[in-house]
Every structure is written in structure tokens, then in C-alpha cells.
Amino acid sequence: MISRAAGFAILACLFSCGRVAEGTKGALNKGGEIAGTAATEVIEGVATGVEKSWSIDVQLSEALVQSGLSLGKVVVEGDSAGRSNRLILYLISANDFDGTLQAIAVDQQGREFGRATLPLRMETGSADFHTIQFQSRTDLERKSRVVIR
């Protein structure tokens, strides 16, 4: 009789342990899912904050605006040495344009620290990305400004 009772006790224990293990596994999976979601939100928030604090102000001259050019997305890229000296502009043209753009980089104190040119030919209604490559010593700093004329 004791051995039969012991057998039932062992079976009950094994059955309970399996249910506890499954319950624990489910809880851990759910906890991991919540932690992963929270971590993703934190990373996205940090990335957005960094993007805002490192953004530069790019402005087209009034003459270019009057000629029908407008500016879309702006991206700063680095060269192989890690310097942020490549400015990617999405330009939109309401009119035909054929000329050379000159980009002038200015720091927070208003001091010029780089110039570059971009030969540009656009047809009415066209839009595309264009790259302005500054010299290797120009490192477009956070909160700097680039004026394109």
C-alpha cells in the first residue's frame, strides 16, 4: 500500500512539475517580450534624440528658392576616415536649372570652415538626391549650418 501511495505521489509531483515548468517558461517568454519591447523603445528614443542634437541646419539662398529649387531630406555621411564631410541633399526643381551650387559650412560662432561646389542640372518637375563632398578636413559639426547659394 505504501509503495502504491508513493507511486501516486511521485506521478503527481512529476505532473505538477511539468505544469510549473510550462507556466514558468510562458512567464519568462512574456517577460522577455515586454523587456525587448521596452528596450526597442528606449533605443529608438535615444536615436531620435541623438539625431536631433546632431542635426545641421541647411538653407538654400533666396536666389535659389526664387529659381524654383527647394530642399527635401538632408543627410550627413562620413568618409572612410570617419569625418562627416559628405552632405546628401534631396533637391526638388519646379523649373529648369543649370548651374553650380556652392555650399558654405559655418560653425556655431558663425565662422566658415568649409566650401564645396556641385554642378547641377535639373529639369522642371524633377527631384533627386545629390551629394556635396567637402574636403577631407571639413567635419560637419553638430549644430553647424550650411548655406547653399
C-alpha atoms as a PDB file:
ATOM      1  CA  MET A   1       0.000   0.000   0.000  1.00  0.00           C
ATOM      2  CA  ILE A   2       2.831   2.346   0.823  1.00  0.00           C
ATOM      3  CA  SER A   3       4.517   1.704  -2.480  1.00  0.00           C
ATOM      4  CA  ARG A   4       1.255   2.409  -4.359  1.00  0.00           C
ATOM      5  CA  ALA A   5       0.814   5.691  -2.457  1.00  0.00           C
ATOM      6  CA  ALA A   6       4.440   6.591  -3.082  1.00  0.00           C
ATOM      7  CA  GLY A   7       3.940   5.904  -6.791  1.00  0.00           C
ATOM      8  CA  PHE A   8       0.900   8.200  -6.930  1.00  0.00           C
ATOM      9  CA  ALA A   9       2.831  10.882  -5.045  1.00  0.00           C
ATOM     10  CA  ILE A  10       5.726  10.667  -7.484  1.00  0.00           C
ATOM     11  CA  LEU A  11       3.363  10.823 -10.514  1.00  0.00           C
ATOM     12  CA  ALA A  12       1.522  13.786  -9.017  1.00  0.00           C
ATOM     13  CA  CYS A  13       4.816  15.533  -8.344  1.00  0.00           C
ATOM     14  CA  LEU A  14       6.084  14.946 -11.888  1.00  0.00           C
ATOM     15  CA  PHE A  15       2.797  16.130 -13.397  1.00  0.00           C
ATOM     16  CA  SER A  16       2.846  19.269 -11.229  1.00  0.00           C
ATOM     17  CA  CYS A  17       6.476  19.987 -12.042  1.00  0.00           C
ATOM     18  CA  GLY A  18       5.713  19.833 -15.774  1.00  0.00           C
ATOM     19  CA  ARG A  19       2.865  22.327 -15.376  1.00  0.00           C
ATOM     20  CA  VAL A  20       5.037  24.604 -13.233  1.00  0.00           C
ATOM     21  CA  ALA A  21       7.844  24.414 -15.793  1.00  0.00           C
ATOM     22  CA  GLU A  22       5.465  25.288 -18.634  1.00  0.00           C
ATOM     23  CA  GLY A  23       3.992  28.142 -16.603  1.00  0.00           C
ATOM     24  CA  THR A  24       7.465  29.437 -15.769  1.00  0.00           C
ATOM     25  CA  LYS A  25       8.559  29.170 -19.405  1.00  0.00           C
ATOM     26  CA  GLY A  26       5.475  31.118 -20.511  1.00  0.00           C
ATOM     27  CA  ALA A  27       6.043  33.802 -17.889  1.00  0.00           C
ATOM     28  CA  LEU A  28       9.703  34.139 -18.870  1.00  0.00           C
ATOM     29  CA  ASN A  29       8.801  34.381 -22.563  1.00  0.00           C
ATOM     30  CA  LYS A  30       6.199  37.071 -21.841  1.00  0.00           C
ATOM     31  CA  GLY A  31       8.660  38.941 -19.594  1.00  0.00           C
ATOM     32  CA  GLY A  32      11.328  38.753 -22.295  1.00  0.00           C
ATOM     33  CA  GLU A  33       8.870  40.056 -24.872  1.00  0.00           C
ATOM     34  CA  ILE A  34       7.961  43.027 -22.650  1.00  0.00           C
ATOM     35  CA  ALA A  35      11.638  43.753 -21.902  1.00  0.00           C
ATOM     36  CA  GLY A  36      12.506  43.552 -25.611  1.00  0.00           C
ATOM     37  CA  THR A  37       9.718  45.980 -26.497  1.00  0.00           C
ATOM     38  CA  ALA A  38      10.811  48.407 -23.791  1.00  0.00           C
ATOM     39  CA  ALA A  39      14.457  48.198 -24.889  1.00  0.00           C
ATOM     40  CA  THR A  40      13.487  48.871 -28.510  1.00  0.00           C
ATOM     41  CA  GLU A  41      11.511  51.953 -27.468  1.00  0.00           C
ATOM     42  CA  VAL A  42      14.451  53.240 -25.406  1.00  0.00           C
ATOM     43  CA  ILE A  43      16.879  52.702 -28.299  1.00  0.00           C
ATOM     44  CA  GLU A  44      14.560  54.447 -30.760  1.00  0.00           C
ATOM     45  CA  GLY A  45      14.152  57.354 -28.340  1.00  0.00           C
ATOM     46  CA  VAL A  46      17.911  57.686 -27.868  1.00  0.00           C
ATOM     47  CA  ALA A  47      18.490  57.504 -31.637  1.00  0.00           C
ATOM     48  CA  THR A  48      15.903  60.229 -32.224  1.00  0.00           C
ATOM     49  CA  GLY A  49      17.475  62.404 -29.535  1.00  0.00           C
ATOM     50  CA  VAL A  50      20.949  61.930 -30.990  1.00  0.00           C
ATOM     51  CA  GLU A  51      19.644  62.678 -34.476  1.00  0.00           C
ATOM     52  CA  LYS A  52      18.058  65.915 -33.270  1.00  0.00           C
ATOM     53  CA  SER A  53      21.120  67.037 -31.295  1.00  0.00           C
ATOM     54  CA  TRP A  54      23.493  66.262 -34.186  1.00  0.00           C
ATOM     55  CA  SER A  55      21.354  67.770 -36.905  1.00  0.00           C
ATOM     56  CA  ILE A  56      22.725  70.595 -39.001  1.00  0.00           C
ATOM     57  CA  ASP A  57      20.791  73.466 -40.491  1.00  0.00           C
ATOM     58  CA  VAL A  58      20.889  73.524 -44.304  1.00  0.00           C
ATOM     59  CA  GLN A  59      19.455  76.548 -46.085  1.00  0.00           C
ATOM     60  CA  LEU A  60      19.054  77.425 -49.739  1.00  0.00           C
ATOM     61  CA  SER A  61      19.775  81.035 -50.680  1.00  0.00           C
ATOM     62  CA  GLU A  62      16.826  83.223 -51.599  1.00  0.00           C
ATOM     63  CA  ALA A  63      18.086  83.347 -55.216  1.00  0.00           C
ATOM     64  CA  LEU A  64      17.957  79.520 -55.468  1.00  0.00           C
ATOM     65  CA  VAL A  65      14.484  79.437 -53.942  1.00  0.00           C
ATOM     66  CA  GLN A  66      13.353  82.079 -56.457  1.00  0.00           C
ATOM     67  CA  SER A  67      14.791  79.977 -59.294  1.00  0.00           C
ATOM     68  CA  GLY A  68      12.460  77.124 -58.271  1.00  0.00           C
ATOM     69  CA  LEU A  69      14.740  74.899 -56.185  1.00  0.00           C
ATOM     70  CA  SER A  70      13.568  73.514 -52.870  1.00  0.00           C
ATOM     71  CA  LEU A  71      15.107  71.196 -50.345  1.00  0.00           C
ATOM     72  CA  GLY A  72      13.770  67.869 -49.094  1.00  0.00           C
ATOM     73  CA  LYS A  73      15.615  65.403 -46.870  1.00  0.00           C
ATOM     74  CA  VAL A  74      19.188  66.173 -45.796  1.00  0.00           C
ATOM     75  CA  VAL A  75      21.657  63.517 -44.597  1.00  0.00           C
ATOM     76  CA  VAL A  76      25.251  63.881 -43.411  1.00  0.00           C
ATOM     77  CA  GLU A  77      27.530  60.941 -44.190  1.00  0.00           C
ATOM     78  CA  GLY A  78      31.072  60.207 -43.167  1.00  0.00           C
ATOM     79  CA  ASP A  79      34.043  59.345 -45.314  1.00  0.00           C
ATOM     80  CA  SER A  80      36.328  56.339 -44.788  1.00  0.00           C
ATOM     81  CA  ALA A  81      38.312  58.283 -42.164  1.00  0.00           C
ATOM     82  CA  GLY A  82      35.168  58.885 -40.095  1.00  0.00           C
ATOM     83  CA  ARG A  83      34.821  62.588 -40.874  1.00  0.00           C
ATOM     84  CA  SER A  84      31.283  63.785 -41.542  1.00  0.00           C
ATOM     85  CA  ASN A  85      32.099  65.690 -44.726  1.00  0.00           C
ATOM     86  CA  ARG A  86      29.532  64.423 -47.213  1.00  0.00           C
ATOM     87  CA  LEU A  87      26.187  66.226 -47.467  1.00  0.00           C
ATOM     88  CA  ILE A  88      23.379  64.340 -49.221  1.00  0.00           C
ATOM     89  CA  LEU A  89      20.545  66.629 -50.377  1.00  0.00           C
ATOM     90  CA  TYR A  90      17.201  65.750 -51.869  1.00  0.00           C
ATOM     91  CA  LEU A  91      16.620  68.632 -54.278  1.00  0.00           C
ATOM     92  CA  ILE A  92      13.316  69.418 -55.992  1.00  0.00           C
ATOM     93  CA  SER A  93      13.121  71.626 -59.062  1.00  0.00           C
ATOM     94  CA  ALA A  94       9.965  73.484 -60.093  1.00  0.00           C
ATOM     95  CA  ASN A  95      11.819  74.954 -63.103  1.00  0.00           C
ATOM     96  CA  ASP A  96      14.728  74.004 -65.337  1.00  0.00           C
ATOM     97  CA  PHE A  97      18.014  74.629 -63.561  1.00  0.00           C
ATOM     98  CA  ASP A  98      21.548  74.522 -64.952  1.00  0.00           C
ATOM     99  CA  GLY A  99      24.295  75.932 -62.770  1.00  0.00           C
ATOM    100  CA  THR A 100      26.758  75.290 -59.983  1.00  0.00           C
ATOM    101  CA  LEU A 101      25.749  75.301 -56.335  1.00  0.00           C
ATOM    102  CA  GLN A 102      28.218  76.439 -53.719  1.00  0.00           C
ATOM    103  CA  ALA A 103      27.851  75.087 -50.173  1.00  0.00           C
ATOM    104  CA  ILE A 104      29.437  77.032 -47.307  1.00  0.00           C
ATOM    105  CA  ALA A 105      29.782  75.382 -43.881  1.00  0.00           C
ATOM    106  CA  VAL A 106      29.608  77.690 -40.852  1.00  0.00           C
ATOM    107  CA  ASP A 107      30.114  76.714 -37.188  1.00  0.00           C
ATOM    108  CA  GLN A 108      28.027  77.818 -34.181  1.00  0.00           C
ATOM    109  CA  GLN A 109      30.090  81.001 -33.813  1.00  0.00           C
ATOM    110  CA  GLY A 110      29.478  81.975 -37.438  1.00  0.00           C
ATOM    111  CA  ARG A 111      32.983  81.086 -38.641  1.00  0.00           C
ATOM    112  CA  GLU A 112      33.308  79.499 -42.057  1.00  0.00           C
ATOM    113  CA  PHE A 113      35.126  76.158 -42.055  1.00  0.00           C
ATOM    114  CA  GLY A 114      34.449  74.606 -45.441  1.00  0.00           C
ATOM    115  CA  ARG A 115      33.302  75.156 -49.024  1.00  0.00           C
ATOM    116  CA  ALA A 116      32.281  72.767 -51.757  1.00  0.00           C
ATOM    117  CA  THR A 117      30.603  73.001 -55.158  1.00  0.00           C
ATOM    118  CA  LEU A 118      28.071  70.895 -57.007  1.00  0.00           C
ATOM    119  CA  PRO A 119      27.450  71.217 -60.757  1.00  0.00           C
ATOM    120  CA  LEU A 120      23.699  70.751 -61.074  1.00  0.00           C
ATOM    121  CA  ARG A 121      21.345  70.294 -63.992  1.00  0.00           C
ATOM    122  CA  MET A 122      17.658  69.609 -63.293  1.00  0.00           C
ATOM    123  CA  GLU A 123      14.555  69.636 -65.447  1.00  0.00           C
ATOM    124  CA  THR A 124      11.202  71.090 -64.474  1.00  0.00           C
ATOM    125  CA  GLY A 125       9.386  68.834 -62.035  1.00  0.00           C
ATOM    126  CA  SER A 126      12.404  66.650 -61.307  1.00  0.00           C
ATOM    127  CA  ALA A 127      13.742  65.655 -57.904  1.00  0.00           C
ATOM    128  CA  ASP A 128      16.664  63.524 -56.797  1.00  0.00           C
ATOM    129  CA  PHE A 129      19.409  63.026 -54.228  1.00  0.00           C
ATOM    130  CA  HIS A 130      22.669  64.909 -54.851  1.00  0.00           C
ATOM    131  CA  THR A 131      25.961  64.648 -52.968  1.00  0.00           C
ATOM    132  CA  ILE A 132      28.107  67.603 -51.972  1.00  0.00           C
ATOM    133  CA  GLN A 133      31.567  66.398 -50.968  1.00  0.00           C
ATOM    134  CA  PHE A 134      33.540  68.766 -48.732  1.00  0.00           C
ATOM    135  CA  GLN A 135      37.318  68.462 -48.474  1.00  0.00           C
ATOM    136  CA  SER A 136      38.694  65.822 -46.099  1.00  0.00           C
ATOM    137  CA  ARG A 137      39.494  68.328 -43.312  1.00  0.00           C
ATOM    138  CA  THR A 138      35.921  69.602 -43.181  1.00  0.00           C
ATOM    139  CA  ASP A 139      33.981  67.773 -40.492  1.00  0.00           C
ATOM    140  CA  LEU A 140      30.365  68.952 -40.470  1.00  0.00           C
ATOM    141  CA  GLU A 141      29.812  69.508 -36.768  1.00  0.00           C
ATOM    142  CA  ARG A 142      26.655  69.124 -34.803  1.00  0.00           C
ATOM    143  CA  LYS A 143      24.551  72.247 -34.789  1.00  0.00           C
ATOM    144  CA  SER A 144      26.553  73.752 -37.651  1.00  0.00           C
ATOM    145  CA  ARG A 145      24.921  75.432 -40.620  1.00  0.00           C
ATOM    146  CA  VAL A 146      25.390  75.005 -44.368  1.00  0.00           C
ATOM    147  CA  VAL A 147      24.267  77.743 -46.724  1.00  0.00           C
ATOM    148  CA  ILE A 148      23.815  76.752 -50.352  1.00  0.00           C
ATOM    149  CA  ARG A 149      23.951  79.504 -52.960  1.00  0.00           C
END
